[in-house]
């Protein structure tokens, strides 16, 4: 059966995007270096509307043509036609302040915390248990620069020289540090030598180990 443009949009009215379709939109956004806020401005909606569409909370029929046009893609491509993309893992980008709350959450609350967060598609295997963070300062340059996205494995055990995400009990924000082992002790340090080392004691928690760094505009 062939659907007209009007009937196609009507059929899509209550449908929500699949993971593959979200991955296609995110890939096209990344290729154009376009943020959710930028896409929202181009199609004349609030950023929250884009967030809800990509999170599968609302249908997409009213915006899908505008989204496709803004991204220089066809609706057919977004819906899964033409070239097939490899299956993508959508990795949640947490804020540095999310980490402490996330670590203390139950699985159900973690799902709620992640629901409206920005996602980044990853086409390599092995990132299923990762979370992502955006570098927002120069404390760990030249290894990590502002704008880089780092992927953190929550199950990986740190080794001497690993870069880790850690937080101190009572703190509201996590930190990126290099961990070094000296005898029976462990220390967290910055690449900025003027910042003193922190000895790992009972009030320091290691959230996860950095396993990959993605510079702006790069796909993995």
N, C-alpha and C. Protein backbone atom coordinates (compact mmCIF):
# COMPACT_ATOMS: atom_id res chain seq x y z
N UNK A 1 0.85 -1.21 0.00
CA UNK A 1 0.00 0.00 0.00
C UNK A 1 0.88 1.23 0.00
N UNK A 2 0.53 2.21 -0.85
CA UNK A 2 1.27 3.46 -0.92
C UNK A 2 0.53 4.54 -0.16
N UNK A 3 1.26 5.27 0.69
CA UNK A 3 0.66 6.34 1.47
C UNK A 3 1.06 7.68 0.89
N UNK A 4 0.10 8.61 0.83
CA UNK A 4 0.44 9.97 0.45
C UNK A 4 1.20 10.62 1.58
N UNK A 5 1.81 11.79 1.31
CA UNK A 5 2.52 12.51 2.36
C UNK A 5 1.64 12.79 3.55
N UNK A 6 0.37 13.20 3.27
CA UNK A 6 -0.56 13.51 4.37
C UNK A 6 -0.86 12.27 5.19
N UNK A 7 -1.15 11.15 4.49
CA UNK A 7 -1.48 9.92 5.21
C UNK A 7 -0.28 9.35 5.96
N UNK A 8 0.92 9.55 5.39
CA UNK A 8 2.14 9.09 6.06
C UNK A 8 2.31 9.81 7.38
N UNK A 9 2.13 11.13 7.39
CA UNK A 9 2.25 11.90 8.62
C UNK A 9 1.17 11.52 9.61
N UNK A 10 -0.04 11.27 9.10
CA UNK A 10 -1.14 10.87 9.99
C UNK A 10 -0.83 9.53 10.65
N UNK A 11 -0.25 8.62 9.87
CA UNK A 11 0.09 7.31 10.42
C UNK A 11 1.16 7.40 11.48
N UNK A 12 2.02 8.44 11.36
CA UNK A 12 3.13 8.59 12.31
C UNK A 12 2.73 9.40 13.55
N UNK A 13 1.48 9.89 13.57
CA UNK A 13 1.09 10.88 14.58
C UNK A 13 1.40 10.44 16.00
N UNK A 14 1.01 9.24 16.35
CA UNK A 14 1.19 8.78 17.73
C UNK A 14 2.43 7.92 17.90
N UNK A 15 3.15 7.65 16.82
CA UNK A 15 4.32 6.78 16.92
C UNK A 15 5.51 7.53 17.48
N UNK A 16 6.33 6.79 18.18
CA UNK A 16 7.52 7.37 18.78
C UNK A 16 8.76 6.76 18.10
N UNK A 17 9.86 7.47 18.17
CA UNK A 17 11.07 7.04 17.50
C UNK A 17 11.64 5.77 18.13
N UNK A 18 12.16 4.88 17.28
CA UNK A 18 12.87 3.71 17.77
C UNK A 18 14.31 4.11 18.10
N UNK A 19 15.04 3.19 18.73
CA UNK A 19 16.44 3.48 19.07
C UNK A 19 17.27 3.73 17.81
N UNK A 20 17.00 2.97 16.73
CA UNK A 20 17.75 3.17 15.50
C UNK A 20 17.45 4.54 14.90
N UNK A 21 16.17 4.95 14.94
CA UNK A 21 15.80 6.25 14.40
C UNK A 21 16.42 7.39 15.20
N UNK A 22 16.43 7.24 16.53
CA UNK A 22 17.09 8.23 17.37
C UNK A 22 18.57 8.29 17.02
N UNK A 23 19.18 7.13 16.84
CA UNK A 23 20.59 7.07 16.48
C UNK A 23 20.87 7.78 15.16
N UNK A 24 19.97 7.65 14.18
CA UNK A 24 20.14 8.32 12.90
C UNK A 24 20.08 9.84 13.06
N UNK A 25 19.12 10.31 13.85
CA UNK A 25 19.01 11.76 14.06
C UNK A 25 20.25 12.28 14.79
N UNK A 26 20.69 11.55 15.82
CA UNK A 26 21.87 11.99 16.56
C UNK A 26 23.12 11.98 15.67
N UNK A 27 23.23 10.99 14.80
CA UNK A 27 24.36 10.93 13.89
C UNK A 27 24.35 12.12 12.93
N UNK A 28 23.17 12.43 12.38
CA UNK A 28 23.05 13.57 11.46
C UNK A 28 23.35 14.88 12.19
N UNK A 29 22.89 14.98 13.45
CA UNK A 29 23.18 16.18 14.25
C UNK A 29 24.68 16.32 14.47
N UNK A 30 25.34 15.20 14.75
CA UNK A 30 26.78 15.23 15.01
C UNK A 30 27.54 15.63 13.76
N UNK A 31 27.11 15.10 12.61
CA UNK A 31 27.78 15.45 11.35
C UNK A 31 27.68 16.94 11.06
N UNK A 32 26.56 17.55 11.46
CA UNK A 32 26.37 18.98 11.23
C UNK A 32 26.81 19.82 12.44
N UNK A 33 27.36 19.12 13.46
CA UNK A 33 27.79 19.80 14.69
C UNK A 33 26.65 20.64 15.27
N UNK A 34 25.49 20.03 15.36
CA UNK A 34 24.28 20.71 15.79
C UNK A 34 23.82 20.17 17.14
N UNK A 35 23.57 21.04 18.08
CA UNK A 35 23.07 20.65 19.39
C UNK A 35 21.55 20.54 19.36
N UNK A 36 20.97 19.97 20.43
CA UNK A 36 19.52 19.92 20.53
C UNK A 36 18.94 21.33 20.52
N UNK A 37 19.61 22.25 21.21
CA UNK A 37 19.15 23.64 21.24
C UNK A 37 19.18 24.26 19.85
N UNK A 38 20.25 23.98 19.09
CA UNK A 38 20.36 24.51 17.74
C UNK A 38 19.29 23.96 16.82
N UNK A 39 19.02 22.65 16.94
CA UNK A 39 17.96 22.03 16.12
C UNK A 39 16.61 22.63 16.48
N UNK A 40 16.37 22.83 17.77
CA UNK A 40 15.10 23.41 18.22
C UNK A 40 14.88 24.80 17.62
N UNK A 41 15.93 25.61 17.60
CA UNK A 41 15.83 26.96 17.02
C UNK A 41 15.49 26.88 15.54
N UNK A 42 16.15 25.97 14.81
CA UNK A 42 15.94 25.85 13.37
C UNK A 42 14.51 25.45 13.01
N UNK A 43 13.90 24.59 13.84
CA UNK A 43 12.56 24.11 13.49
C UNK A 43 11.46 24.83 14.27
N UNK A 44 11.86 25.77 15.13
CA UNK A 44 10.88 26.62 15.79
C UNK A 44 10.13 25.99 16.95
N UNK A 45 10.82 25.13 17.72
CA UNK A 45 10.21 24.55 18.91
C UNK A 45 11.14 24.75 20.10
N UNK A 46 10.67 24.42 21.28
CA UNK A 46 11.52 24.50 22.46
C UNK A 46 12.47 23.31 22.51
N UNK A 47 13.61 23.50 23.15
CA UNK A 47 14.58 22.41 23.27
C UNK A 47 13.95 21.21 23.98
N UNK A 48 13.05 21.48 24.93
CA UNK A 48 12.40 20.38 25.66
C UNK A 48 11.61 19.47 24.73
N UNK A 49 11.06 20.05 23.64
CA UNK A 49 10.32 19.24 22.68
C UNK A 49 11.26 18.25 21.97
N UNK A 50 12.43 18.74 21.57
CA UNK A 50 13.42 17.84 20.95
C UNK A 50 13.83 16.75 21.93
N UNK A 51 14.08 17.13 23.19
CA UNK A 51 14.47 16.15 24.21
C UNK A 51 13.40 15.07 24.35
N UNK A 52 12.13 15.48 24.37
CA UNK A 52 11.03 14.52 24.56
C UNK A 52 10.87 13.61 23.35
N UNK A 53 11.07 14.16 22.14
CA UNK A 53 10.98 13.32 20.94
C UNK A 53 12.09 12.27 20.95
N UNK A 54 13.33 12.69 21.25
CA UNK A 54 14.46 11.77 21.24
C UNK A 54 14.40 10.78 22.40
N UNK A 55 13.70 11.16 23.47
CA UNK A 55 13.55 10.25 24.61
C UNK A 55 12.35 9.33 24.45
N UNK A 56 11.57 9.51 23.36
CA UNK A 56 10.41 8.65 23.14
C UNK A 56 9.23 8.98 24.02
N UNK A 57 9.16 10.19 24.52
CA UNK A 57 8.05 10.57 25.41
C UNK A 57 6.86 11.12 24.65
N UNK A 58 7.10 11.66 23.44
CA UNK A 58 6.00 12.17 22.62
C UNK A 58 6.20 11.73 21.18
N UNK A 59 5.11 11.76 20.39
CA UNK A 59 5.19 11.42 18.98
C UNK A 59 5.93 12.49 18.21
N UNK A 60 6.20 12.19 16.93
CA UNK A 60 7.10 13.06 16.18
C UNK A 60 6.49 13.63 14.90
N UNK A 61 5.21 13.34 14.60
CA UNK A 61 4.68 13.68 13.28
C UNK A 61 4.71 15.18 13.00
N UNK A 62 4.48 16.01 14.01
CA UNK A 62 4.42 17.45 13.78
C UNK A 62 5.79 18.06 13.47
N UNK A 63 6.87 17.36 13.82
CA UNK A 63 8.21 17.95 13.66
C UNK A 63 9.11 17.19 12.71
N UNK A 64 8.73 15.96 12.29
CA UNK A 64 9.69 15.11 11.60
C UNK A 64 10.12 15.70 10.25
N UNK A 65 9.21 16.36 9.54
CA UNK A 65 9.59 16.96 8.26
C UNK A 65 10.59 18.09 8.47
N UNK A 66 10.33 18.91 9.50
CA UNK A 66 11.24 20.03 9.80
C UNK A 66 12.60 19.52 10.26
N UNK A 67 12.59 18.45 11.08
CA UNK A 67 13.85 17.87 11.55
C UNK A 67 14.66 17.34 10.36
N UNK A 68 14.00 16.61 9.47
CA UNK A 68 14.67 16.05 8.30
C UNK A 68 15.26 17.17 7.44
N UNK A 69 14.48 18.23 7.23
CA UNK A 69 14.95 19.35 6.41
C UNK A 69 16.16 20.03 7.06
N UNK A 70 16.07 20.26 8.38
CA UNK A 70 17.16 20.94 9.09
C UNK A 70 18.45 20.13 9.05
N UNK A 71 18.31 18.80 9.00
CA UNK A 71 19.48 17.93 9.01
C UNK A 71 19.91 17.49 7.61
N UNK A 72 19.22 18.01 6.57
CA UNK A 72 19.52 17.64 5.18
C UNK A 72 19.40 16.13 4.95
N UNK A 73 18.37 15.56 5.55
CA UNK A 73 18.09 14.14 5.39
C UNK A 73 16.63 13.97 4.96
N UNK A 74 16.32 12.81 4.39
CA UNK A 74 14.94 12.51 4.03
C UNK A 74 14.25 11.85 5.22
N UNK A 75 12.92 11.96 5.23
CA UNK A 75 12.15 11.26 6.26
C UNK A 75 12.39 9.76 6.15
N UNK A 76 12.47 9.27 4.90
CA UNK A 76 12.70 7.84 4.68
C UNK A 76 14.00 7.39 5.33
N UNK A 77 15.05 8.22 5.22
CA UNK A 77 16.34 7.86 5.83
C UNK A 77 16.23 7.81 7.34
N UNK A 78 15.58 8.81 7.93
CA UNK A 78 15.42 8.83 9.39
C UNK A 78 14.61 7.63 9.86
N UNK A 79 13.58 7.26 9.08
CA UNK A 79 12.71 6.16 9.49
C UNK A 79 13.37 4.79 9.31
N UNK A 80 14.53 4.76 8.62
CA UNK A 80 15.25 3.49 8.49
C UNK A 80 15.45 3.02 7.07
N UNK A 81 15.07 3.86 6.09
CA UNK A 81 15.24 3.48 4.71
C UNK A 81 16.66 3.71 4.22
N UNK A 82 16.88 3.44 2.95
CA UNK A 82 18.18 3.61 2.30
C UNK A 82 19.24 2.81 3.05
N UNK A 83 20.40 3.42 3.28
CA UNK A 83 21.50 2.70 3.91
C UNK A 83 21.14 2.31 5.34
N UNK A 84 21.53 1.14 5.73
CA UNK A 84 21.31 0.68 7.10
C UNK A 84 22.51 1.05 7.96
N UNK A 85 22.22 1.63 9.11
CA UNK A 85 23.30 1.93 10.04
C UNK A 85 23.59 0.72 10.90
N UNK A 86 24.83 0.55 11.33
CA UNK A 86 25.10 -0.49 12.32
C UNK A 86 24.35 -0.16 13.60
N UNK A 87 24.01 -1.19 14.36
CA UNK A 87 23.29 -0.95 15.61
C UNK A 87 24.12 -0.07 16.53
N UNK A 88 23.48 0.94 17.09
CA UNK A 88 24.20 1.89 17.95
C UNK A 88 23.79 1.69 19.41
N UNK A 89 24.77 1.84 20.30
CA UNK A 89 24.49 1.94 21.72
C UNK A 89 24.35 3.43 22.04
N UNK A 90 23.23 3.80 22.65
CA UNK A 90 23.02 5.19 23.02
C UNK A 90 23.53 5.38 24.45
N UNK A 91 24.65 6.08 24.57
CA UNK A 91 25.29 6.28 25.87
C UNK A 91 24.83 7.62 26.45
N UNK A 92 24.36 7.58 27.67
CA UNK A 92 23.86 8.79 28.33
C UNK A 92 25.00 9.71 28.73
N UNK A 93 24.84 11.00 28.44
CA UNK A 93 25.80 12.00 28.89
C UNK A 93 25.30 12.58 30.21
N UNK A 94 26.02 12.28 31.29
CA UNK A 94 25.69 12.81 32.61
C UNK A 94 26.46 14.09 32.85
N UNK A 95 25.93 14.94 33.71
CA UNK A 95 26.68 16.12 34.13
C UNK A 95 27.58 15.73 35.30
N UNK A 96 28.55 16.57 35.60
CA UNK A 96 29.47 16.28 36.70
C UNK A 96 28.74 16.28 38.04
N UNK A 97 27.64 17.01 38.11
CA UNK A 97 26.85 17.02 39.34
C UNK A 97 25.89 15.83 39.42
N UNK A 98 25.61 15.19 38.26
CA UNK A 98 24.74 14.01 38.27
C UNK A 98 25.40 12.81 38.92
N UNK A 99 26.74 12.76 38.87
CA UNK A 99 27.46 11.55 39.26
C UNK A 99 27.16 11.12 40.68
N UNK A 100 27.22 12.05 41.61
CA UNK A 100 27.00 11.71 43.02
C UNK A 100 25.60 11.17 43.22
N UNK A 101 24.61 11.83 42.62
CA UNK A 101 23.22 11.37 42.74
C UNK A 101 23.05 10.01 42.07
N UNK A 102 23.63 9.85 40.89
CA UNK A 102 23.50 8.59 40.14
C UNK A 102 24.07 7.42 40.93
N UNK A 103 25.23 7.63 41.56
CA UNK A 103 25.88 6.56 42.31
C UNK A 103 25.03 6.09 43.49
N UNK A 104 24.23 7.01 44.04
CA UNK A 104 23.42 6.67 45.22
C UNK A 104 22.04 6.13 44.85
N UNK A 105 21.69 6.18 43.56
CA UNK A 105 20.34 5.81 43.11
C UNK A 105 20.14 4.30 43.01
N UNK A 106 18.88 3.89 43.11
CA UNK A 106 18.49 2.54 42.74
C UNK A 106 18.45 2.47 41.21
N UNK A 107 18.36 1.26 40.65
CA UNK A 107 18.29 1.11 39.20
C UNK A 107 17.11 1.87 38.62
N UNK A 108 15.96 1.82 39.31
CA UNK A 108 14.76 2.51 38.82
C UNK A 108 14.98 4.01 38.79
N UNK A 109 15.57 4.55 39.85
CA UNK A 109 15.82 5.99 39.90
C UNK A 109 16.89 6.40 38.88
N UNK A 110 17.83 5.51 38.62
CA UNK A 110 18.84 5.80 37.60
C UNK A 110 18.20 5.94 36.23
N UNK A 111 17.24 5.06 35.94
CA UNK A 111 16.53 5.13 34.66
C UNK A 111 15.79 6.47 34.55
N UNK A 112 15.19 6.91 35.64
CA UNK A 112 14.46 8.19 35.63
C UNK A 112 15.44 9.34 35.43
N UNK A 113 16.60 9.27 36.08
CA UNK A 113 17.59 10.33 35.97
C UNK A 113 18.11 10.44 34.53
N UNK A 114 18.26 9.29 33.87
CA UNK A 114 18.82 9.28 32.51
C UNK A 114 17.80 9.64 31.42
N UNK A 115 16.51 9.54 31.73
CA UNK A 115 15.48 9.57 30.70
C UNK A 115 15.56 10.77 29.76
N UNK A 116 15.74 11.97 30.30
CA UNK A 116 15.74 13.17 29.46
C UNK A 116 17.14 13.72 29.20
N UNK A 117 18.15 12.91 29.50
CA UNK A 117 19.53 13.35 29.27
C UNK A 117 19.93 13.17 27.81
N UNK A 118 20.86 13.99 27.37
CA UNK A 118 21.39 13.87 26.02
C UNK A 118 22.09 12.52 25.86
N UNK A 119 21.96 11.92 24.68
CA UNK A 119 22.60 10.63 24.39
C UNK A 119 23.58 10.81 23.23
N UNK A 120 24.62 9.98 23.22
CA UNK A 120 25.57 9.97 22.11
C UNK A 120 25.61 8.56 21.54
N UNK A 121 25.43 8.41 20.20
CA UNK A 121 25.44 7.06 19.62
C UNK A 121 26.86 6.53 19.48
N UNK A 122 27.05 5.26 19.84
CA UNK A 122 28.35 4.61 19.73
C UNK A 122 28.17 3.34 18.92
N UNK A 123 28.97 3.18 17.87
CA UNK A 123 28.80 2.06 16.95
C UNK A 123 29.79 0.93 17.20
N UNK A 124 30.74 1.13 18.11
CA UNK A 124 31.64 0.06 18.50
C UNK A 124 31.01 -0.73 19.64
N UNK A 125 31.42 -1.97 19.79
CA UNK A 125 30.94 -2.80 20.88
C UNK A 125 31.77 -2.53 22.13
N UNK A 126 31.18 -2.87 23.28
CA UNK A 126 31.90 -2.74 24.54
C UNK A 126 31.59 -1.49 25.34
N UNK A 127 30.63 -0.68 24.87
CA UNK A 127 30.30 0.56 25.57
C UNK A 127 28.94 0.47 26.28
N UNK A 128 28.38 -0.74 26.34
CA UNK A 128 27.03 -0.91 26.88
C UNK A 128 26.90 -0.48 28.33
N UNK A 129 27.96 -0.62 29.10
CA UNK A 129 27.90 -0.28 30.53
C UNK A 129 28.56 1.07 30.83
N UNK A 130 28.79 1.85 29.78
CA UNK A 130 29.46 3.14 29.97
C UNK A 130 28.46 4.28 30.16
N UNK A 131 28.93 5.32 30.79
CA UNK A 131 28.27 6.62 30.83
C UNK A 131 29.27 7.63 30.27
N UNK A 132 28.76 8.76 29.80
CA UNK A 132 29.63 9.75 29.19
C UNK A 132 29.58 11.06 29.97
N UNK A 133 30.66 11.81 29.86
CA UNK A 133 30.77 13.14 30.47
C UNK A 133 31.46 14.07 29.49
N UNK A 134 31.09 15.35 29.54
CA UNK A 134 31.76 16.35 28.71
C UNK A 134 32.80 17.09 29.54
N UNK A 135 34.00 17.21 29.01
CA UNK A 135 35.05 17.96 29.69
C UNK A 135 34.70 19.46 29.63
N UNK A 136 34.71 20.10 30.78
CA UNK A 136 34.29 21.51 30.84
C UNK A 136 35.36 22.45 31.41
N UNK A 137 36.59 21.92 31.59
CA UNK A 137 37.67 22.79 32.07
C UNK A 137 39.00 22.30 31.51
N UNK A 138 40.07 23.01 31.83
CA UNK A 138 41.39 22.69 31.27
C UNK A 138 42.33 22.05 32.29
N UNK A 139 41.78 21.54 33.40
CA UNK A 139 42.62 21.01 34.48
C UNK A 139 43.41 19.77 34.06
N UNK A 140 42.91 19.06 33.05
CA UNK A 140 43.58 17.81 32.63
C UNK A 140 44.17 17.92 31.23
N UNK A 141 44.39 19.15 30.77
CA UNK A 141 45.07 19.33 29.48
C UNK A 141 46.54 18.95 29.63
N UNK A 142 47.18 18.47 28.57
CA UNK A 142 46.68 18.37 27.19
C UNK A 142 45.95 17.07 26.87
N UNK A 143 45.86 16.16 27.83
CA UNK A 143 45.22 14.86 27.59
C UNK A 143 43.73 15.02 27.30
N UNK A 144 43.05 15.84 28.09
CA UNK A 144 41.61 16.05 27.94
C UNK A 144 41.35 17.55 27.80
N UNK A 145 40.65 17.92 26.73
CA UNK A 145 40.41 19.32 26.44
C UNK A 145 38.92 19.64 26.54
N UNK A 146 38.59 20.89 26.87
CA UNK A 146 37.17 21.27 26.91
C UNK A 146 36.45 20.91 25.61
N UNK A 147 35.28 20.29 25.75
CA UNK A 147 34.53 19.84 24.58
C UNK A 147 34.68 18.37 24.29
N UNK A 148 35.75 17.74 24.78
CA UNK A 148 35.91 16.29 24.62
C UNK A 148 34.79 15.58 25.38
N UNK A 149 34.37 14.44 24.86
CA UNK A 149 33.45 13.56 25.57
C UNK A 149 34.24 12.34 26.02
N UNK A 150 34.17 12.02 27.31
CA UNK A 150 34.86 10.84 27.81
C UNK A 150 33.83 9.77 28.17
N UNK A 151 34.21 8.52 27.94
CA UNK A 151 33.34 7.39 28.23
C UNK A 151 33.90 6.65 29.44
N UNK A 152 33.03 6.40 30.39
CA UNK A 152 33.44 5.87 31.69
C UNK A 152 32.79 4.51 31.91
N UNK A 153 33.62 3.48 32.11
CA UNK A 153 33.13 2.13 32.40
C UNK A 153 32.95 1.99 33.91
N UNK A 154 31.70 1.74 34.33
CA UNK A 154 31.40 1.69 35.76
C UNK A 154 31.86 0.39 36.41
N UNK A 155 32.14 -0.63 35.60
CA UNK A 155 32.52 -1.94 36.16
C UNK A 155 34.02 -2.22 36.09
N UNK A 156 34.76 -1.37 35.44
CA UNK A 156 36.19 -1.63 35.23
C UNK A 156 36.99 -1.28 36.50
N UNK A 157 37.97 -2.10 36.82
CA UNK A 157 38.84 -1.85 37.98
C UNK A 157 40.02 -0.98 37.54
N UNK A 158 40.27 0.13 38.23
CA UNK A 158 41.39 1.00 37.81
C UNK A 158 42.74 0.34 38.03
N UNK A 159 43.66 0.63 37.11
CA UNK A 159 45.04 0.20 37.23
C UNK A 159 45.92 1.42 37.48
N UNK A 160 47.16 1.17 37.83
CA UNK A 160 48.10 2.28 38.04
C UNK A 160 48.19 3.12 36.77
N UNK A 161 47.94 4.41 36.89
CA UNK A 161 47.99 5.29 35.74
C UNK A 161 46.65 5.49 35.03
N UNK A 162 45.60 4.78 35.48
CA UNK A 162 44.28 4.96 34.87
C UNK A 162 43.73 6.35 35.16
N UNK A 163 42.90 6.84 34.27
CA UNK A 163 42.13 8.05 34.54
C UNK A 163 40.75 7.63 35.04
N UNK A 164 40.33 8.23 36.13
CA UNK A 164 39.10 7.80 36.79
C UNK A 164 38.20 9.01 37.07
N UNK A 165 36.92 8.70 37.28
CA UNK A 165 35.96 9.68 37.78
C UNK A 165 35.76 9.36 39.25
N UNK A 166 35.99 10.34 40.10
CA UNK A 166 35.91 10.13 41.54
C UNK A 166 35.12 11.27 42.18
N UNK A 167 34.64 11.02 43.37
CA UNK A 167 33.98 12.08 44.13
C UNK A 167 34.19 11.84 45.62
N UNK A 168 34.17 12.91 46.36
CA UNK A 168 34.36 12.83 47.80
C UNK A 168 33.00 12.86 48.49
N UNK A 169 32.84 12.03 49.52
CA UNK A 169 31.58 12.01 50.26
C UNK A 169 31.26 13.41 50.76
N UNK A 170 30.02 13.83 50.52
CA UNK A 170 29.61 15.16 50.93
C UNK A 170 29.77 16.19 49.83
N UNK A 171 30.49 15.83 48.74
CA UNK A 171 30.67 16.74 47.62
C UNK A 171 29.48 16.62 46.68
N UNK A 172 29.21 17.68 45.94
CA UNK A 172 28.09 17.67 45.01
C UNK A 172 28.53 17.45 43.56
N UNK A 173 29.85 17.33 43.34
CA UNK A 173 30.34 17.25 41.97
C UNK A 173 31.52 16.29 41.88
N UNK A 174 31.56 15.55 40.78
CA UNK A 174 32.66 14.59 40.56
C UNK A 174 33.87 15.27 39.93
N UNK A 175 34.97 14.54 39.88
CA UNK A 175 36.21 15.09 39.32
C UNK A 175 36.91 14.02 38.49
N UNK A 176 37.63 14.48 37.48
CA UNK A 176 38.46 13.61 36.64
C UNK A 176 39.88 13.67 37.17
N UNK A 177 40.43 12.49 37.50
CA UNK A 177 41.78 12.42 38.06
C UNK A 177 42.53 11.23 37.50
N UNK A 178 43.84 11.28 37.64
CA UNK A 178 44.71 10.14 37.32
C UNK A 178 45.00 9.44 38.63
N UNK A 179 44.90 8.11 38.65
CA UNK A 179 45.13 7.36 39.89
C UNK A 179 46.50 6.67 39.82
N UNK A 180 47.25 6.83 40.89
CA UNK A 180 48.57 6.20 40.99
C UNK A 180 48.62 5.39 42.29
N UNK A 181 49.22 4.21 42.20
CA UNK A 181 49.35 3.35 43.37
C UNK A 181 50.79 3.37 43.86
N UNK A 182 50.94 3.55 45.15
CA UNK A 182 52.27 3.61 45.78
C UNK A 182 52.25 2.71 47.01
N UNK A 183 52.80 1.52 46.85
CA UNK A 183 52.72 0.55 47.95
C UNK A 183 51.27 0.16 48.17
N UNK A 184 50.80 0.36 49.38
CA UNK A 184 49.42 0.03 49.70
C UNK A 184 48.49 1.21 49.59
N UNK A 185 48.96 2.34 49.12
CA UNK A 185 48.15 3.55 49.04
C UNK A 185 47.86 3.92 47.59
N UNK A 186 46.79 4.70 47.41
CA UNK A 186 46.44 5.21 46.08
C UNK A 186 46.26 6.72 46.17
N UNK A 187 46.63 7.41 45.10
CA UNK A 187 46.55 8.87 45.08
C UNK A 187 45.89 9.32 43.78
N UNK A 188 45.11 10.39 43.89
CA UNK A 188 44.48 11.00 42.74
C UNK A 188 45.21 12.30 42.42
N UNK A 189 45.54 12.48 41.15
CA UNK A 189 46.27 13.69 40.78
C UNK A 189 45.72 14.29 39.50
N UNK A 190 45.95 15.60 39.34
CA UNK A 190 45.63 16.31 38.11
C UNK A 190 46.89 16.38 37.26
N UNK A 191 46.70 16.69 35.98
CA UNK A 191 47.87 16.91 35.12
C UNK A 191 48.46 18.30 35.37
N UNK A 192 47.70 19.14 36.04
CA UNK A 192 48.20 20.44 36.50
C UNK A 192 49.00 20.21 37.78
N UNK A 193 50.32 20.34 37.70
CA UNK A 193 51.20 19.99 38.82
C UNK A 193 51.01 20.91 40.03
N UNK A 194 50.35 22.06 39.84
CA UNK A 194 50.13 22.97 40.97
C UNK A 194 48.99 22.51 41.88
N UNK A 195 48.21 21.53 41.41
CA UNK A 195 47.10 21.02 42.21
C UNK A 195 47.61 19.82 43.02
N UNK A 196 47.49 19.87 44.34
CA UNK A 196 48.05 18.79 45.17
C UNK A 196 47.33 17.46 44.95
N UNK A 197 48.06 16.38 45.18
CA UNK A 197 47.47 15.04 45.10
C UNK A 197 46.49 14.82 46.23
N UNK A 198 45.55 13.90 46.00
CA UNK A 198 44.56 13.53 47.01
C UNK A 198 44.77 12.06 47.34
N UNK A 199 44.99 11.76 48.59
CA UNK A 199 45.11 10.36 49.00
C UNK A 199 43.72 9.73 49.03
N UNK A 200 43.61 8.55 48.46
CA UNK A 200 42.33 7.84 48.44
C UNK A 200 42.09 7.21 49.80
N UNK A 201 41.08 7.72 50.48
CA UNK A 201 40.69 7.21 51.79
C UNK A 201 39.24 6.75 51.73
N UNK A 202 38.68 6.41 52.88
CA UNK A 202 37.32 5.88 52.90
C UNK A 202 36.27 6.88 52.42
N UNK A 203 36.61 8.18 52.42
CA UNK A 203 35.62 9.16 51.99
C UNK A 203 35.74 9.51 50.49
N UNK A 204 36.58 8.77 49.76
CA UNK A 204 36.72 8.95 48.32
C UNK A 204 36.10 7.75 47.60
N UNK A 205 35.21 8.01 46.67
CA UNK A 205 34.59 6.95 45.88
C UNK A 205 35.03 7.03 44.42
N UNK A 206 35.36 5.89 43.84
CA UNK A 206 35.71 5.83 42.42
C UNK A 206 34.46 5.41 41.66
N UNK A 207 33.94 6.30 40.80
CA UNK A 207 32.71 6.05 40.06
C UNK A 207 32.95 5.12 38.88
N UNK A 208 34.08 5.30 38.19
CA UNK A 208 34.37 4.47 37.04
C UNK A 208 35.70 4.86 36.41
N UNK A 209 36.11 4.08 35.41
CA UNK A 209 37.39 4.27 34.74
C UNK A 209 37.15 4.80 33.33
N UNK A 210 37.90 5.82 32.94
CA UNK A 210 37.79 6.38 31.59
C UNK A 210 38.39 5.37 30.60
N UNK A 211 37.58 4.99 29.61
CA UNK A 211 38.04 3.99 28.64
C UNK A 211 38.18 4.56 27.24
N UNK A 212 37.65 5.76 27.02
CA UNK A 212 37.76 6.35 25.67
C UNK A 212 37.53 7.85 25.75
N UNK A 213 38.21 8.57 24.88
CA UNK A 213 38.02 10.00 24.74
C UNK A 213 37.59 10.30 23.32
N UNK A 214 36.50 11.03 23.17
CA UNK A 214 35.98 11.39 21.85
C UNK A 214 36.10 12.91 21.65
N UNK A 215 37.02 13.34 20.80
CA UNK A 215 37.12 14.78 20.51
C UNK A 215 35.87 15.25 19.78
N UNK A 216 35.58 16.56 19.80
CA UNK A 216 34.39 17.09 19.10
C UNK A 216 34.40 16.70 17.63
N UNK A 217 33.23 16.22 17.15
CA UNK A 217 33.09 15.89 15.73
C UNK A 217 33.51 14.50 15.33
N UNK A 218 34.07 13.73 16.27
CA UNK A 218 34.53 12.37 15.94
C UNK A 218 33.46 11.36 16.29
N UNK A 219 33.30 10.33 15.47
CA UNK A 219 32.38 9.23 15.74
C UNK A 219 33.16 8.02 16.24
N UNK A 220 32.50 7.19 17.04
CA UNK A 220 33.13 5.92 17.47
C UNK A 220 32.13 4.79 17.28
